[in-house]
PDB file of all heavy atoms in Angstrom:
ATOM      1  N   ALA A   1      79.712  98.690 102.390  1.00  0.00           N
ATOM      2  CA  ALA A   1      79.076  99.559 103.530  1.00  0.00           C
ATOM      3  C   ALA A   1      79.462 101.086 103.603  1.00  0.00           C
ATOM      4  O   ALA A   1      78.760 101.834 104.117  1.00  0.00           O
ATOM      5  CB  ALA A   1      79.507  99.017 104.867  1.00  0.00           C
ATOM      6  N   ILE A   2      80.496 101.425 102.860  1.00  0.00           N
ATOM      7  CA  ILE A   2      81.069 102.825 102.740  1.00  0.00           C
ATOM      8  C   ILE A   2      80.707 103.385 101.327  1.00  0.00           C
ATOM      9  O   ILE A   2      80.968 102.679 100.202  1.00  0.00           O
ATOM     10  CB  ILE A   2      82.421 102.857 102.804  1.00  0.00           C
ATOM     11  CG1 ILE A   2      82.928 102.242 104.143  1.00  0.00           C
ATOM     12  CG2 ILE A   2      82.921 104.335 102.699  1.00  0.00           C
ATOM     13  CD1 ILE A   2      84.477 102.252 104.351  1.00  0.00           C
ATOM     14  N   PRO A   3      79.842 104.338 101.161  1.00  0.00           N
ATOM     15  CA  PRO A   3      79.459 104.906  99.917  1.00  0.00           C
ATOM     16  C   PRO A   3      80.708 105.247  99.120  1.00  0.00           C
ATOM     17  O   PRO A   3      81.541 106.016  99.571  1.00  0.00           O
ATOM     18  CB  PRO A   3      78.583 106.229 100.239  1.00  0.00           C
ATOM     19  CG  PRO A   3      78.170 105.874 101.609  1.00  0.00           C
ATOM     20  CD  PRO A   3      79.199 105.062 102.326  1.00  0.00           C
ATOM     21  N   SER A   4      80.876 104.626  97.825  1.00  0.00           N
ATOM     22  CA  SER A   4      82.063 104.876  97.116  1.00  0.00           C
ATOM     23  C   SER A   4      82.193 106.310  96.857  1.00  0.00           C
ATOM     24  O   SER A   4      83.432 106.930  96.798  1.00  0.00           O
ATOM     25  CB  SER A   4      81.944 104.066  95.855  1.00  0.00           C
ATOM     26  OG  SER A   4      80.893 104.540  95.044  1.00  0.00           O
ATOM     27  N   ILE A   5      81.265 107.161  96.533  1.00  0.00           N
ATOM     28  CA  ILE A   5      81.250 108.533  96.220  1.00  0.00           C
ATOM     29  C   ILE A   5      81.985 109.270  97.351  1.00  0.00           C
ATOM     30  O   ILE A   5      82.790 110.207  97.205  1.00  0.00           O
ATOM     31  CB  ILE A   5      80.074 109.173  95.780  1.00  0.00           C
ATOM     32  CG1 ILE A   5      80.109 110.630  95.301  1.00  0.00           C
ATOM     33  CG2 ILE A   5      79.021 109.071  96.797  1.00  0.00           C
ATOM     34  CD1 ILE A   5      80.963 110.734  93.967  1.00  0.00           C
ATOM     35  N   LEU A   6      81.453 108.900  98.592  1.00  0.00           N
ATOM     36  CA  LEU A   6      82.029 109.534  99.705  1.00  0.00           C
ATOM     37  C   LEU A   6      83.605 109.331  99.953  1.00  0.00           C
ATOM     38  O   LEU A   6      84.295 110.140 100.222  1.00  0.00           O
ATOM     39  CB  LEU A   6      81.308 109.132 101.038  1.00  0.00           C
ATOM     40  CG  LEU A   6      81.788 109.618 102.489  1.00  0.00           C
ATOM     41  CD1 LEU A   6      81.574 111.193 102.441  1.00  0.00           C
ATOM     42  CD2 LEU A   6      80.936 109.027 103.439  1.00  0.00           C
ATOM     43  N   PHE A   7      83.933 108.049  99.802  1.00  0.00           N
ATOM     44  CA  PHE A   7      85.302 107.678  99.848  1.00  0.00           C
ATOM     45  C   PHE A   7      86.173 108.378  98.868  1.00  0.00           C
ATOM     46  O   PHE A   7      87.246 108.884  99.140  1.00  0.00           O
ATOM     47  CB  PHE A   7      85.421 106.182  99.538  1.00  0.00           C
ATOM     48  CG  PHE A   7      86.891 105.679  99.748  1.00  0.00           C
ATOM     49  CD1 PHE A   7      87.494 105.387 100.814  1.00  0.00           C
ATOM     50  CD2 PHE A   7      87.644 105.581  98.469  1.00  0.00           C
ATOM     51  CE1 PHE A   7      88.777 104.945 101.007  1.00  0.00           C
ATOM     52  CE2 PHE A   7      88.857 105.054  98.506  1.00  0.00           C
ATOM     53  CZ  PHE A   7      89.628 104.741  99.768  1.00  0.00           C
ATOM     54  N   ILE A   8      85.669 108.525  97.669  1.00  0.00           N
ATOM     55  CA  ILE A   8      86.437 109.196  96.445  1.00  0.00           C
ATOM     56  C   ILE A   8      86.521 110.681  96.965  1.00  0.00           C
ATOM     57  O   ILE A   8      87.579 111.279  96.686  1.00  0.00           O
ATOM     58  CB  ILE A   8      85.812 109.008  95.256  1.00  0.00           C
ATOM     59  CG1 ILE A   8      85.770 107.465  94.798  1.00  0.00           C
ATOM     60  CG2 ILE A   8      86.284 109.887  94.114  1.00  0.00           C
ATOM     61  CD1 ILE A   8      84.921 107.294  93.535  1.00  0.00           C
ATOM     62  N   LEU A   9      85.445 111.366  97.350  1.00  0.00           N
ATOM     63  CA  LEU A   9      85.546 112.701  97.739  1.00  0.00           C
ATOM     64  C   LEU A   9      86.485 113.119  98.768  1.00  0.00           C
ATOM     65  O   LEU A   9      87.140 114.036  98.755  1.00  0.00           O
ATOM     66  CB  LEU A   9      84.180 113.334  98.115  1.00  0.00           C
ATOM     67  CG  LEU A   9      83.086 113.309  97.002  1.00  0.00           C
ATOM     68  CD1 LEU A   9      81.713 113.709  97.610  1.00  0.00           C
ATOM     69  CD2 LEU A   9      83.544 114.422  95.947  1.00  0.00           C
ATOM     70  N   VAL A  10      86.506 112.162  99.802  1.00  0.00           N
ATOM     71  CA  VAL A  10      87.440 112.320 100.946  1.00  0.00           C
ATOM     72  C   VAL A  10      88.850 112.199 100.486  1.00  0.00           C
ATOM     73  O   VAL A  10      89.839 113.056 100.644  1.00  0.00           O
ATOM     74  CB  VAL A  10      87.191 111.393 102.056  1.00  0.00           C
ATOM     75  CG1 VAL A  10      88.342 111.443 103.092  1.00  0.00           C
ATOM     76  CG2 VAL A  10      85.787 111.603 102.738  1.00  0.00           C
ATOM     77  N   PHE A  11      89.231 111.214  99.660  1.00  0.00           N
ATOM     78  CA  PHE A  11      90.528 111.022  99.127  1.00  0.00           C
ATOM     79  C   PHE A  11      91.020 112.093  98.227  1.00  0.00           C
ATOM     80  O   PHE A  11      92.090 112.497  98.322  1.00  0.00           O
ATOM     81  CB  PHE A  11      90.409 109.532  98.501  1.00  0.00           C
ATOM     82  CG  PHE A  11      91.800 108.937  98.254  1.00  0.00           C
ATOM     83  CD1 PHE A  11      92.283 108.079  99.273  1.00  0.00           C
ATOM     84  CD2 PHE A  11      92.612 109.327  97.179  1.00  0.00           C
ATOM     85  CE1 PHE A  11      93.641 107.565  99.015  1.00  0.00           C
ATOM     86  CE2 PHE A  11      93.882 108.740  97.057  1.00  0.00           C
ATOM     87  CZ  PHE A  11      94.377 107.829  98.006  1.00  0.00           C
ATOM     88  N   LEU A  12      90.096 112.583  97.342  1.00  0.00           N
ATOM     89  CA  LEU A  12      90.581 113.575  96.480  1.00  0.00           C
ATOM     90  C   LEU A  12      90.653 114.925  97.112  1.00  0.00           C
ATOM     91  O   LEU A  12      91.311 115.798  96.692  1.00  0.00           O
ATOM     92  CB  LEU A  12      89.529 113.729  95.215  1.00  0.00           C
ATOM     93  CG  LEU A  12      89.501 112.452  94.279  1.00  0.00           C
ATOM     94  CD1 LEU A  12      88.346 112.712  93.267  1.00  0.00           C
ATOM     95  CD2 LEU A  12      90.904 112.345  93.673  1.00  0.00           C
ATOM     96  N   SER A  13      90.021 115.104  98.247  1.00  0.00           N
ATOM     97  CA  SER A  13      90.178 116.344  98.925  1.00  0.00           C
ATOM     98  C   SER A  13      91.443 116.503  99.828  1.00  0.00           C
ATOM     99  O   SER A  13      91.875 117.551 100.087  1.00  0.00           O
ATOM    100  CB  SER A  13      88.896 116.675  99.945  1.00  0.00           C
ATOM    101  OG  SER A  13      88.843 115.680 100.908  1.00  0.00           O
ATOM    102  N   VAL A  14      91.929 115.238 100.043  1.00  0.00           N
ATOM    103  CA  VAL A  14      93.272 115.205 100.807  1.00  0.00           C
ATOM    104  C   VAL A  14      94.447 115.315  99.878  1.00  0.00           C
ATOM    105  O   VAL A  14      95.406 115.983 100.150  1.00  0.00           O
ATOM    106  CB  VAL A  14      93.318 113.808 101.573  1.00  0.00           C
ATOM    107  CG1 VAL A  14      94.744 113.774 102.245  1.00  0.00           C
ATOM    108  CG2 VAL A  14      92.222 113.842 102.655  1.00  0.00           C
ATOM    109  N   PHE A  15      94.365 114.492  98.765  1.00  0.00           N
ATOM    110  CA  PHE A  15      95.411 114.641  97.742  1.00  0.00           C
ATOM    111  C   PHE A  15      95.014 115.501  96.592  1.00  0.00           C
ATOM    112  O   PHE A  15      93.923 115.687  96.237  1.00  0.00           O
ATOM    113  CB  PHE A  15      95.855 113.171  97.369  1.00  0.00           C
ATOM    114  CG  PHE A  15      96.218 112.243  98.431  1.00  0.00           C
ATOM    115  CD1 PHE A  15      95.302 111.527  99.062  1.00  0.00           C
ATOM    116  CD2 PHE A  15      97.615 112.240  98.886  1.00  0.00           C
ATOM    117  CE1 PHE A  15      95.649 110.587 100.110  1.00  0.00           C
ATOM    118  CE2 PHE A  15      97.896 111.402  99.870  1.00  0.00           C
ATOM    119  CZ  PHE A  15      97.018 110.658 100.582  1.00  0.00           C
ATOM    120  N   GLU A  16      96.152 115.989  95.864  1.00  0.00           N
ATOM    121  CA  GLU A  16      95.880 116.881  94.687  1.00  0.00           C
ATOM    122  C   GLU A  16      95.256 116.048  93.553  1.00  0.00           C
ATOM    123  O   GLU A  16      95.932 115.009  93.195  1.00  0.00           O
ATOM    124  CB  GLU A  16      97.184 117.394  94.217  1.00  0.00           C
ATOM    125  CG  GLU A  16      97.093 118.368  93.110  1.00  0.00           C
ATOM    126  CD  GLU A  16      98.318 119.064  92.734  1.00  0.00           C
ATOM    127  OE1 GLU A  16      99.357 118.818  93.461  1.00  0.00           O
ATOM    128  OE2 GLU A  16      98.315 119.901  91.789  1.00  0.00           O
ATOM    129  N   PRO A  17      94.054 116.287  93.096  1.00  0.00           N
ATOM    130  CA  PRO A  17      93.507 115.551  91.986  1.00  0.00           C
ATOM    131  C   PRO A  17      94.266 115.586  90.685  1.00  0.00           C
ATOM    132  O   PRO A  17      94.960 116.552  90.391  1.00  0.00           O
ATOM    133  CB  PRO A  17      92.169 116.239  91.787  1.00  0.00           C
ATOM    134  CG  PRO A  17      91.994 117.126  93.048  1.00  0.00           C
ATOM    135  CD  PRO A  17      93.387 117.516  93.474  1.00  0.00           C
ATOM    136  N   SER A  18      94.288 114.449  90.000  1.00  0.00           N
ATOM    137  CA  SER A  18      94.965 114.265  88.688  1.00  0.00           C
ATOM    138  C   SER A  18      94.346 113.193  88.081  1.00  0.00           C
ATOM    139  O   SER A  18      93.574 112.374  88.542  1.00  0.00           O
ATOM    140  CB  SER A  18      96.503 114.002  88.921  1.00  0.00           C
ATOM    141  OG  SER A  18      96.658 112.833  89.523  1.00  0.00           O
ATOM    142  N   ILE A  19      94.530 113.016  86.693  1.00  0.00           N
ATOM    143  CA  ILE A  19      93.929 111.965  86.018  1.00  0.00           C
ATOM    144  C   ILE A  19      94.409 110.463  86.543  1.00  0.00           C
ATOM    145  O   ILE A  19      93.547 109.703  86.754  1.00  0.00           O
ATOM    146  CB  ILE A  19      94.360 111.998  84.418  1.00  0.00           C
ATOM    147  CG1 ILE A  19      93.814 113.377  83.840  1.00  0.00           C
ATOM    148  CG2 ILE A  19      93.928 110.802  83.668  1.00  0.00           C
ATOM    149  CD1 ILE A  19      94.159 113.525  82.354  1.00  0.00           C
ATOM    150  N   THR A  20      95.675 110.407  86.825  1.00  0.00           N
ATOM    151  CA  THR A  20      96.229 109.188  87.453  1.00  0.00           C
ATOM    152  C   THR A  20      95.568 108.753  88.693  1.00  0.00           C
ATOM    153  O   THR A  20      95.034 107.687  88.854  1.00  0.00           O
ATOM    154  CB  THR A  20      97.793 109.185  87.505  1.00  0.00           C
ATOM    155  OG1 THR A  20      98.385 109.588  86.249  1.00  0.00           O
ATOM    156  CG2 THR A  20      98.338 107.819  87.898  1.00  0.00           C
ATOM    157  N   LEU A  21      95.490 109.791  89.573  1.00  0.00           N
ATOM    158  CA  LEU A  21      94.754 109.465  90.861  1.00  0.00           C
ATOM    159  C   LEU A  21      93.457 109.211  90.706  1.00  0.00           C
ATOM    160  O   LEU A  21      92.878 108.373  91.430  1.00  0.00           O
ATOM    161  CB  LEU A  21      95.070 110.736  91.751  1.00  0.00           C
ATOM    162  CG  LEU A  21      94.482 110.725  93.206  1.00  0.00           C
ATOM    163  CD1 LEU A  21      95.247 109.559  94.058  1.00  0.00           C
ATOM    164  CD2 LEU A  21      94.719 112.003  93.946  1.00  0.00           C
ATOM    165  N   LEU A  22      92.742 109.903  89.851  1.00  0.00           N
ATOM    166  CA  LEU A  22      91.325 109.653  89.703  1.00  0.00           C
ATOM    167  C   LEU A  22      91.147 108.263  89.177  1.00  0.00           C
ATOM    168  O   LEU A  22      90.246 107.501  89.673  1.00  0.00           O
ATOM    169  CB  LEU A  22      90.773 110.618  88.595  1.00  0.00           C
ATOM    170  CG  LEU A  22      89.203 110.928  88.679  1.00  0.00           C
ATOM    171  CD1 LEU A  22      88.777 111.394  90.040  1.00  0.00           C
ATOM    172  CD2 LEU A  22      88.892 111.898  87.628  1.00  0.00           C
ATOM    173  N   ILE A  23      91.984 107.669  88.263  1.00  0.00           N
ATOM    174  CA  ILE A  23      91.700 106.363  87.778  1.00  0.00           C
ATOM    175  C   ILE A  23      92.052 105.328  88.859  1.00  0.00           C
ATOM    176  O   ILE A  23      91.150 104.436  89.118  1.00  0.00           O
ATOM    177  CB  ILE A  23      92.793 106.082  86.680  1.00  0.00           C
ATOM    178  CG1 ILE A  23      92.381 106.958  85.453  1.00  0.00           C
ATOM    179  CG2 ILE A  23      92.881 104.643  86.263  1.00  0.00           C
ATOM    180  CD1 ILE A  23      93.447 106.910  84.279  1.00  0.00           C
ATOM    181  N   VAL A  24      93.096 105.660  89.712  1.00  0.00           N
ATOM    182  CA  VAL A  24      93.240 104.656  90.730  1.00  0.00           C
ATOM    183  C   VAL A  24      92.163 104.730  91.900  1.00  0.00           C
ATOM    184  O   VAL A  24      91.779 103.510  92.200  1.00  0.00           O
ATOM    185  CB  VAL A  24      94.742 105.024  91.444  1.00  0.00           C
ATOM    186  CG1 VAL A  24      94.937 104.313  92.731  1.00  0.00           C
ATOM    187  CG2 VAL A  24      95.868 104.936  90.488  1.00  0.00           C
ATOM    188  N   VAL A  25      91.713 105.904  92.246  1.00  0.00           N
ATOM    189  CA  VAL A  25      90.716 105.880  93.329  1.00  0.00           C
ATOM    190  C   VAL A  25      89.356 105.242  92.755  1.00  0.00           C
ATOM    191  O   VAL A  25      88.814 104.353  93.518  1.00  0.00           O
ATOM    192  CB  VAL A  25      90.496 107.322  93.664  1.00  0.00           C
ATOM    193  CG1 VAL A  25      89.411 107.435  94.658  1.00  0.00           C
ATOM    194  CG2 VAL A  25      91.753 107.896  94.358  1.00  0.00           C
ATOM    195  N   ILE A  26      89.027 105.587  91.635  1.00  0.00           N
ATOM    196  CA  ILE A  26      87.766 104.917  91.100  1.00  0.00           C
ATOM    197  C   ILE A  26      87.867 103.545  91.030  1.00  0.00           C
ATOM    198  O   ILE A  26      86.936 102.708  91.257  1.00  0.00           O
ATOM    199  CB  ILE A  26      87.453 105.649  89.812  1.00  0.00           C
ATOM    200  CG1 ILE A  26      86.981 107.103  89.964  1.00  0.00           C
ATOM    201  CG2 ILE A  26      86.192 104.948  89.225  1.00  0.00           C
ATOM    202  CD1 ILE A  26      86.738 107.711  88.719  1.00  0.00           C
ATOM    203  N   GLY A  27      89.107 103.089  90.505  1.00  0.00           N
ATOM    204  CA  GLY A  27      89.268 101.564  90.303  1.00  0.00           C
ATOM    205  C   GLY A  27      89.334 100.939  91.656  1.00  0.00           C
ATOM    206  O   GLY A  27      88.853  99.723  91.742  1.00  0.00           O
ATOM    207  N   LEU A  28      89.904 101.390  92.688  1.00  0.00           N
ATOM    208  CA  LEU A  28      89.957 100.793  93.994  1.00  0.00           C
ATOM    209  C   LEU A  28      88.663 100.753  94.712  1.00  0.00           C
ATOM    210  O   LEU A  28      88.536 100.091  95.768  1.00  0.00           O
ATOM    211  CB  LEU A  28      91.160 101.567  94.809  1.00  0.00           C
ATOM    212  CG  LEU A  28      92.534 101.379  94.325  1.00  0.00           C
ATOM    213  CD1 LEU A  28      93.447 102.035  95.235  1.00  0.00           C
ATOM    214  CD2 LEU A  28      92.886  99.952  94.284  1.00  0.00           C
ATOM    215  N   THR A  29      87.629 101.562  94.331  1.00  0.00           N
ATOM    216  CA  THR A  29      86.336 101.569  94.993  1.00  0.00           C
ATOM    217  C   THR A  29      85.280 100.851  94.114  1.00  0.00           C
ATOM    218  O   THR A  29      84.300 100.585  94.798  1.00  0.00           O
ATOM    219  CB  THR A  29      85.904 103.039  95.136  1.00  0.00           C
ATOM    220  OG1 THR A  29      85.885 103.760  93.883  1.00  0.00           O
ATOM    221  CG2 THR A  29      86.874 103.824  96.064  1.00  0.00           C
ATOM    222  N   ASN A  30      85.575 100.481  92.881  1.00  0.00           N
ATOM    223  CA  ASN A  30      84.440  99.898  92.039  1.00  0.00           C
ATOM    224  C   ASN A  30      84.706  98.374  91.788  1.00  0.00           C
ATOM    225  O   ASN A  30      84.027  97.882  90.953  1.00  0.00           O
ATOM    226  CB  ASN A  30      84.293 100.673  90.840  1.00  0.00           C
ATOM    227  CG  ASN A  30      83.733 101.971  91.029  1.00  0.00           C
ATOM    228  OD1 ASN A  30      83.039 102.198  92.099  1.00  0.00           O
ATOM    229  ND2 ASN A  30      83.823 102.840  90.151  1.00  0.00           N
ATOM    230  N   TRP A  31      85.693  97.756  92.469  1.00  0.00           N
ATOM    231  CA  TRP A  31      86.116  96.304  92.176  1.00  0.00           C
ATOM    232  C   TRP A  31      85.111  95.448  92.825  1.00  0.00           C
ATOM    233  O   TRP A  31      85.093  94.169  92.371  1.00  0.00           O
ATOM    234  CB  TRP A  31      87.469  96.057  92.565  1.00  0.00           C
ATOM    235  CG  TRP A  31      87.806  96.145  94.072  1.00  0.00           C
ATOM    236  CD1 TRP A  31      88.155  97.366  94.725  1.00  0.00           C
ATOM    237  CD2 TRP A  31      87.463  95.142  95.117  1.00  0.00           C
ATOM    238  NE1 TRP A  31      88.203  97.084  96.000  1.00  0.00           N
ATOM    239  CE2 TRP A  31      87.874  95.787  96.336  1.00  0.00           C
ATOM    240  CE3 TRP A  31      87.144  93.878  95.025  1.00  0.00           C
ATOM    241  CZ2 TRP A  31      87.844  95.139  97.555  1.00  0.00           C
ATOM    242  CZ3 TRP A  31      87.150  93.147  96.150  1.00  0.00           C
ATOM    243  CH2 TRP A  31      87.473  93.703  97.428  1.00  0.00           C
TER     244      TRP A  31
END
């Protein structure tokens, strides 16, 4: 029900983006 791209954008705007964080966020939204 929540657009994954919106969730990722909000999360990455709050925390400092990095390769590890990007992997975790994308993984947690696409399962």
